[in-house]
Amino acid sequence: MNILKSIAVTAILGLAIGFFAFMSYSTIKNNQEVQIFVIDFDKGESLSSLASDLKAKSLILNEDLFKIQAVVLDYDKKLQPGEYQLTNRMSGLDILKKISKGKVVYHRVTIPEGLTVKEIFELVKKEDKLDGKISVEIKEGYLLPETYTFRKGDTKNSVILQMQSAMERDLDAVWKSRDRSIDAQISSKQELLKLASIVEKETIIDREKPIVANVYLNRLKLGMKLQADPTVIYGAKNYQGDITYKMLREKNDFNTYVIFGLPKTAIANPGLESLKAVANPADTKYLFFVADGKGGHVFSENYEQHKKKVADYLKTLK
């Protein structure tokens, strides 16, 4: 007899939930309205307050039904905090399923190639949906420019560490796939990263990057100074938008007009294409390049050719 009563009670509850669910769907508005709804159980959010908030925003029709569904179907123990995109066309049951599965809203932050660590930190600091302060220390060049996703409430540190892990992953992969002919000039992943950062700052055109990388590798092979303008800018104490003769002569660990070889550290955070360009450079005899006035560069094998192309470029500026 008790078994029959239990079956009857379960059946009645099932019918009731089914009826209320049907009523929820049948009274949904025609025009869809999307709302961002935040649940924060750490701030005292309970099932009752959740139902009340959803009702206040016209996302559910009946608080009691919502709570009954949550308890009977065991969703009340699975609800996850976060930021959710909900619509008035969803039933209470749809909302419970979404929240119990933690299908939160993901945001994006895009990091352009060629920024310094300091500049990337400033971008991340502006993301107001991220919590905390940036307290991690990252070496220059060790953040991979890319688009990263995060949830409201994630920490700024966690996003920065994603970037660091991505760079370590890609740098390892690129180093393993390198053309071994570069080993005489580039003896480690760290050196590859340094040169890739210079390539990144020299050109934004991906097809040029293996050529620019080859120019610098050719200079290293001949024992020439790299004489890369971006290293002057990075090491300058008072750069105001123009490289001065005084800056070219400044003695520091980055100015490749003064020092031989690579700078002390990377000078920016290079993208994957710049890493690949250094690992597998073009095969040329070029030693010089100059802007072509159209966004790209022209290359030369000797200084006489280079002087002529510089003169041609200066004519385009007049």
Protein backbone atom coordinates (compact mmCIF):
# COMPACT_ATOMS: atom_id res chain seq x y z
CA MET A 1 0.00 0.00 0.00
CA ASN A 2 2.82 2.40 0.91
CA ILE A 3 4.46 1.62 -2.41
CA LEU A 4 1.26 2.54 -4.24
CA LYS A 5 1.07 5.84 -2.31
CA SER A 6 4.68 6.67 -3.21
CA ILE A 7 4.00 5.94 -6.85
CA ALA A 8 0.88 8.10 -6.72
CA VAL A 9 2.70 11.00 -5.06
CA THR A 10 5.54 10.79 -7.59
CA ALA A 11 3.06 10.71 -10.46
CA ILE A 12 1.18 13.72 -9.09
CA LEU A 13 4.41 15.68 -8.66
CA GLY A 14 5.45 14.73 -12.17
CA LEU A 15 2.13 15.86 -13.58
CA ALA A 16 2.30 19.08 -11.58
CA ILE A 17 5.80 19.88 -12.80
CA GLY A 18 4.80 19.01 -16.35
CA PHE A 19 1.73 21.24 -16.09
CA PHE A 20 3.66 24.19 -14.69
CA ALA A 21 6.39 23.72 -17.29
CA PHE A 22 3.73 23.74 -19.99
CA MET A 23 2.24 26.90 -18.51
CA SER A 24 5.69 28.48 -18.47
CA TYR A 25 6.19 27.83 -22.15
CA SER A 26 2.65 28.75 -23.13
CA THR A 27 2.84 32.23 -21.62
CA ILE A 28 6.23 33.25 -22.99
CA LYS A 29 6.34 36.64 -24.70
CA ASN A 30 6.57 36.83 -28.48
CA ASN A 31 9.46 39.31 -28.52
CA GLN A 32 12.70 37.85 -27.26
CA GLU A 33 14.57 39.91 -24.69
CA VAL A 34 18.12 38.98 -23.75
CA GLN A 35 19.43 39.77 -20.27
CA ILE A 36 22.75 39.23 -18.53
CA PHE A 37 22.04 37.74 -15.12
CA VAL A 38 24.70 37.41 -12.40
CA ILE A 39 24.55 34.78 -9.65
CA ASP A 40 26.88 35.16 -6.69
CA PHE A 41 26.37 32.55 -3.99
CA ASP A 42 29.31 33.98 -2.04
CA LYS A 43 27.20 37.07 -1.36
CA GLY A 44 24.33 35.15 0.19
CA GLU A 45 22.45 34.19 -2.96
CA SER A 46 19.99 31.39 -2.15
CA LEU A 47 17.45 29.47 -4.20
CA SER A 48 14.69 31.73 -2.85
CA SER A 49 16.56 34.95 -3.63
CA LEU A 50 17.51 33.58 -7.05
CA ALA A 51 13.87 32.85 -7.84
CA SER A 52 12.88 36.30 -6.59
CA ASP A 53 15.49 38.02 -8.74
CA LEU A 54 14.50 36.05 -11.82
CA LYS A 55 10.85 36.93 -11.27
CA ALA A 56 11.69 40.61 -10.77
CA LYS A 57 13.43 40.62 -14.15
CA SER A 58 10.46 38.84 -15.80
CA LEU A 59 12.61 35.82 -16.60
CA ILE A 60 10.31 33.37 -14.82
CA LEU A 61 6.55 33.51 -14.22
CA ASN A 62 6.26 31.75 -10.88
CA GLU A 63 8.79 31.67 -8.04
CA ASP A 64 7.23 28.68 -6.29
CA LEU A 65 7.20 26.59 -9.45
CA PHE A 66 10.85 27.44 -10.05
CA LYS A 67 11.83 26.36 -6.54
CA ILE A 68 9.73 23.16 -6.73
CA GLN A 69 11.37 22.22 -10.03
CA ALA A 70 14.82 22.94 -8.60
CA VAL A 71 14.29 20.78 -5.49
CA VAL A 72 12.37 17.88 -7.03
CA LEU A 73 14.73 17.57 -10.00
CA ASP A 74 17.79 18.00 -7.73
CA TYR A 75 19.03 21.15 -9.49
CA ASP A 76 19.16 23.13 -6.24
CA LYS A 77 22.41 21.36 -5.30
CA LYS A 78 24.05 21.92 -8.71
CA LEU A 79 23.53 25.64 -9.31
CA GLN A 80 26.78 27.37 -10.23
CA PRO A 81 27.66 31.05 -9.74
CA GLY A 82 28.57 33.22 -12.68
CA GLU A 83 27.28 35.50 -15.39
CA TYR A 84 24.56 34.02 -17.60
CA GLN A 85 22.83 35.14 -20.78
CA LEU A 86 19.12 34.43 -20.33
CA THR A 87 16.05 35.29 -22.37
CA ASN A 88 12.37 35.65 -21.60
CA ARG A 89 11.69 32.79 -24.00
CA MET A 90 13.42 30.31 -21.71
CA SER A 91 11.34 28.32 -19.26
CA GLY A 92 12.31 28.04 -15.62
CA LEU A 93 13.50 24.52 -16.37
CA ASP A 94 15.72 25.80 -19.20
CA ILE A 95 17.26 28.32 -16.82
CA LEU A 96 17.87 25.68 -14.16
CA LYS A 97 19.58 23.42 -16.69
CA LYS A 98 21.82 26.23 -17.92
CA ILE A 99 22.83 27.38 -14.45
CA SER A 100 23.42 23.84 -13.18
CA LYS A 101 25.76 23.16 -16.12
CA GLY A 102 27.66 26.40 -15.57
CA LYS A 103 27.10 27.69 -19.11
CA VAL A 104 28.31 31.16 -18.25
CA VAL A 105 29.08 34.11 -20.52
CA TYR A 106 32.66 34.23 -21.79
CA HIS A 107 34.37 37.52 -22.57
CA ARG A 108 37.35 38.15 -24.82
CA VAL A 109 40.48 40.23 -24.64
CA THR A 110 42.63 40.55 -27.76
CA ILE A 111 46.35 41.26 -27.41
CA PRO A 112 47.96 42.77 -30.55
CA GLU A 113 51.41 41.61 -31.64
CA GLY A 114 54.42 43.69 -30.69
CA LEU A 115 53.31 45.17 -27.38
CA THR A 116 55.61 45.19 -24.36
CA VAL A 117 54.70 43.35 -21.16
CA LYS A 118 53.90 46.70 -19.55
CA GLU A 119 51.52 47.62 -22.37
CA ILE A 120 49.77 44.24 -22.16
CA PHE A 121 49.36 44.65 -18.41
CA GLU A 122 47.66 48.00 -19.02
CA LEU A 123 45.18 46.38 -21.44
CA VAL A 124 44.31 43.65 -18.95
CA LYS A 125 43.92 46.16 -16.12
CA LYS A 126 41.13 47.84 -18.11
CA GLU A 127 39.02 44.65 -18.18
CA ASP A 128 36.54 45.48 -15.42
CA LYS A 129 35.02 41.99 -15.39
CA LEU A 130 38.32 40.57 -14.16
CA ASP A 131 39.07 40.59 -10.44
CA GLY A 132 42.20 41.42 -8.48
CA LYS A 133 45.45 43.10 -9.36
CA ILE A 134 48.30 41.87 -11.53
CA SER A 135 50.94 40.62 -9.13
CA VAL A 136 52.84 38.15 -11.33
CA GLU A 137 56.20 39.04 -12.84
CA ILE A 138 56.72 38.19 -16.51
CA LYS A 139 59.93 38.51 -18.51
CA GLU A 140 59.73 40.67 -21.62
CA GLY A 141 58.59 38.68 -24.63
CA TYR A 142 56.98 35.80 -22.75
CA LEU A 143 53.31 36.68 -23.39
CA LEU A 144 51.75 35.37 -26.60
CA PRO A 145 49.64 37.94 -28.48
CA GLU A 146 46.30 36.25 -29.11
CA THR A 147 42.61 36.43 -28.20
CA TYR A 148 41.85 35.00 -24.75
CA THR A 149 38.51 34.16 -23.15
CA PHE A 150 37.58 34.60 -19.54
CA ARG A 151 34.56 34.58 -17.22
CA LYS A 152 33.38 37.37 -14.98
CA GLY A 153 35.20 36.97 -11.69
CA ASP A 154 38.32 35.36 -13.14
CA THR A 155 41.47 37.09 -11.95
CA LYS A 156 43.74 39.33 -14.00
CA ASN A 157 46.64 37.12 -12.96
CA SER A 158 44.92 34.05 -14.43
CA VAL A 159 44.61 35.67 -17.86
CA ILE A 160 48.24 36.82 -17.81
CA LEU A 161 49.33 33.29 -16.90
CA GLN A 162 47.28 31.93 -19.83
CA MET A 163 49.32 34.18 -22.12
CA GLN A 164 52.58 33.02 -20.58
CA SER A 165 51.64 29.33 -20.93
CA ALA A 166 50.61 29.89 -24.55
CA MET A 167 53.97 31.52 -25.36
CA GLU A 168 55.92 28.74 -23.66
CA ARG A 169 53.91 26.15 -25.62
CA ASP A 170 54.35 27.82 -29.01
CA LEU A 171 57.99 28.72 -28.43
CA ASP A 172 58.78 25.09 -27.58
CA ALA A 173 56.97 23.86 -30.70
CA VAL A 174 58.64 26.40 -33.00
CA TRP A 175 62.09 25.67 -31.56
CA LYS A 176 61.67 21.95 -32.19
CA SER A 177 60.60 22.58 -35.80
CA ARG A 178 63.41 25.06 -36.59
CA ASP A 179 65.75 24.87 -39.56
CA ARG A 180 68.97 23.66 -37.93
CA SER A 181 70.98 25.96 -40.19
CA ILE A 182 70.17 28.83 -37.81
CA ASP A 183 71.89 27.10 -34.87
CA ALA A 184 75.21 28.84 -35.52
CA GLN A 185 73.55 32.21 -34.93
CA ILE A 186 70.63 31.28 -32.64
CA SER A 187 71.66 28.86 -29.92
CA SER A 188 68.54 28.76 -27.71
CA LYS A 189 64.80 29.37 -27.52
CA GLN A 190 65.51 32.54 -25.60
CA GLU A 191 67.65 33.92 -28.44
CA LEU A 192 64.98 32.96 -30.98
CA LEU A 193 62.46 34.92 -28.92
CA LYS A 194 64.73 37.98 -28.82
CA LEU A 195 65.18 38.05 -32.58
CA ALA A 196 61.49 37.34 -33.19
CA SER A 197 60.62 40.38 -31.09
CA ILE A 198 62.80 42.56 -33.34
CA VAL A 199 61.22 41.07 -36.46
CA GLU A 200 57.78 41.76 -34.98
CA LYS A 201 58.59 45.43 -34.47
CA GLU A 202 60.14 45.81 -37.93
CA THR A 203 57.22 44.62 -40.05
CA ILE A 204 53.54 43.78 -39.70
CA ILE A 205 53.48 41.96 -43.06
CA ASP A 206 53.70 38.23 -42.42
CA ARG A 207 55.21 37.37 -45.83
CA GLU A 208 58.10 39.77 -45.13
CA LYS A 209 58.96 38.37 -41.73
CA PRO A 210 61.10 35.40 -42.93
CA ILE A 211 63.09 37.83 -45.10
CA VAL A 212 63.63 40.34 -42.29
CA ALA A 213 64.66 37.46 -40.02
CA ASN A 214 67.12 36.32 -42.68
CA VAL A 215 68.64 39.81 -42.93
CA TYR A 216 69.45 39.81 -39.23
CA LEU A 217 70.72 36.24 -39.27
CA ASN A 218 73.00 37.16 -42.19
CA ARG A 219 74.34 40.10 -40.17
CA LEU A 220 74.96 37.87 -37.15
CA LYS A 221 76.79 35.40 -39.39
CA LEU A 222 79.11 38.15 -40.66
CA GLY A 223 79.66 39.63 -37.20
CA MET A 224 77.88 42.86 -38.14
CA LYS A 225 75.89 44.89 -35.65
CA LEU A 226 72.17 44.35 -36.07
CA GLN A 227 71.46 48.11 -36.08
CA ALA A 228 67.74 47.55 -35.51
CA ASP A 229 65.86 50.77 -34.83
CA PRO A 230 63.28 49.13 -32.52
CA THR A 231 66.08 48.17 -30.10
CA VAL A 232 67.12 51.82 -29.94
CA ILE A 233 63.58 52.84 -29.07
CA TYR A 234 63.21 50.14 -26.42
CA GLY A 235 66.43 51.09 -24.69
CA ALA A 236 66.02 54.87 -24.99
CA LYS A 237 65.42 56.83 -21.81
CA ASN A 238 63.42 59.62 -23.41
CA TYR A 239 61.88 58.48 -26.68
CA GLN A 240 59.37 61.04 -27.98
CA GLY A 241 58.46 59.59 -31.38
CA ASP A 242 61.69 60.20 -33.31
CA ILE A 243 65.07 58.49 -33.11
CA THR A 244 67.81 61.05 -32.56
CA TYR A 245 71.52 60.80 -33.29
CA LYS A 246 72.10 60.87 -29.55
CA MET A 247 69.87 57.82 -29.07
CA LEU A 248 71.83 55.88 -31.70
CA ARG A 249 74.95 56.39 -29.59
CA GLU A 250 73.42 55.59 -26.19
CA LYS A 251 75.21 52.74 -24.44
CA ASN A 252 72.75 50.26 -22.98
CA ASP A 253 72.00 46.54 -23.16
CA PHE A 254 69.46 46.95 -25.97
CA ASN A 255 70.88 49.43 -28.48
CA THR A 256 72.11 47.22 -31.34
CA TYR A 257 73.76 50.22 -32.98
CA VAL A 258 76.25 50.06 -30.11
CA ILE A 259 76.35 46.42 -28.98
CA PHE A 260 77.12 43.36 -31.07
CA GLY A 261 74.67 40.48 -31.15
CA LEU A 262 71.20 40.34 -29.67
CA PRO A 263 69.80 42.64 -26.97
CA LYS A 264 69.74 41.61 -23.32
CA THR A 265 66.08 40.55 -23.51
CA ALA A 266 63.28 40.55 -26.02
CA ILE A 267 62.01 44.05 -26.78
CA ALA A 268 58.34 43.12 -27.26
CA ASN A 269 56.00 40.15 -27.30
CA PRO A 270 56.13 38.59 -30.78
CA GLY A 271 53.31 36.70 -32.44
CA LEU A 272 53.51 33.15 -33.76
CA GLU A 273 54.35 34.23 -37.32
CA SER A 274 57.42 36.12 -36.13
CA LEU A 275 58.58 33.11 -34.10
CA LYS A 276 58.17 30.90 -37.17
CA ALA A 277 60.00 33.43 -39.35
CA VAL A 278 63.14 33.22 -37.21
CA ALA A 279 62.93 29.45 -36.89
CA ASN A 280 62.53 28.98 -40.64
CA PRO A 281 63.87 32.11 -42.34
CA ALA A 282 64.07 32.88 -46.04
CA ASP A 283 67.28 31.98 -47.87
CA THR A 284 68.72 35.20 -49.29
CA LYS A 285 71.89 37.27 -49.29
CA TYR A 286 70.12 40.41 -48.15
CA LEU A 287 71.84 42.55 -45.53
CA PHE A 288 69.74 45.72 -45.63
CA PHE A 289 66.15 46.85 -45.97
CA VAL A 290 64.24 50.11 -45.98
CA ALA A 291 60.59 51.12 -46.11
CA ASP A 292 59.07 51.29 -49.60
CA GLY A 293 56.59 54.03 -48.71
CA LYS A 294 53.65 51.69 -49.25
CA GLY A 295 53.68 49.85 -45.93
CA GLY A 296 56.28 47.26 -46.87
CA HIS A 297 60.05 47.12 -47.40
CA VAL A 298 62.63 46.75 -50.15
CA PHE A 299 65.75 44.67 -49.58
CA SER A 300 69.37 44.95 -50.71
CA GLU A 301 72.42 42.68 -50.73
CA ASN A 302 74.99 45.44 -50.32
CA TYR A 303 75.32 48.96 -48.98
CA GLU A 304 75.50 50.63 -52.41
CA GLN A 305 72.12 49.17 -53.40
CA HIS A 306 70.76 50.11 -50.00
CA LYS A 307 71.85 53.76 -50.30
CA LYS A 308 70.04 54.05 -53.64
CA LYS A 309 66.85 52.56 -52.23
CA VAL A 310 67.01 54.84 -49.22
CA ALA A 311 67.30 57.81 -51.60
CA ASP A 312 64.29 56.51 -53.55
CA TYR A 313 62.33 56.23 -50.32
CA LEU A 314 63.24 59.76 -49.23
CA LYS A 315 61.92 61.06 -52.58
CA THR A 316 58.51 59.53 -51.81
CA LEU A 317 58.38 61.56 -48.60
CA LYS A 318 58.79 64.89 -50.39
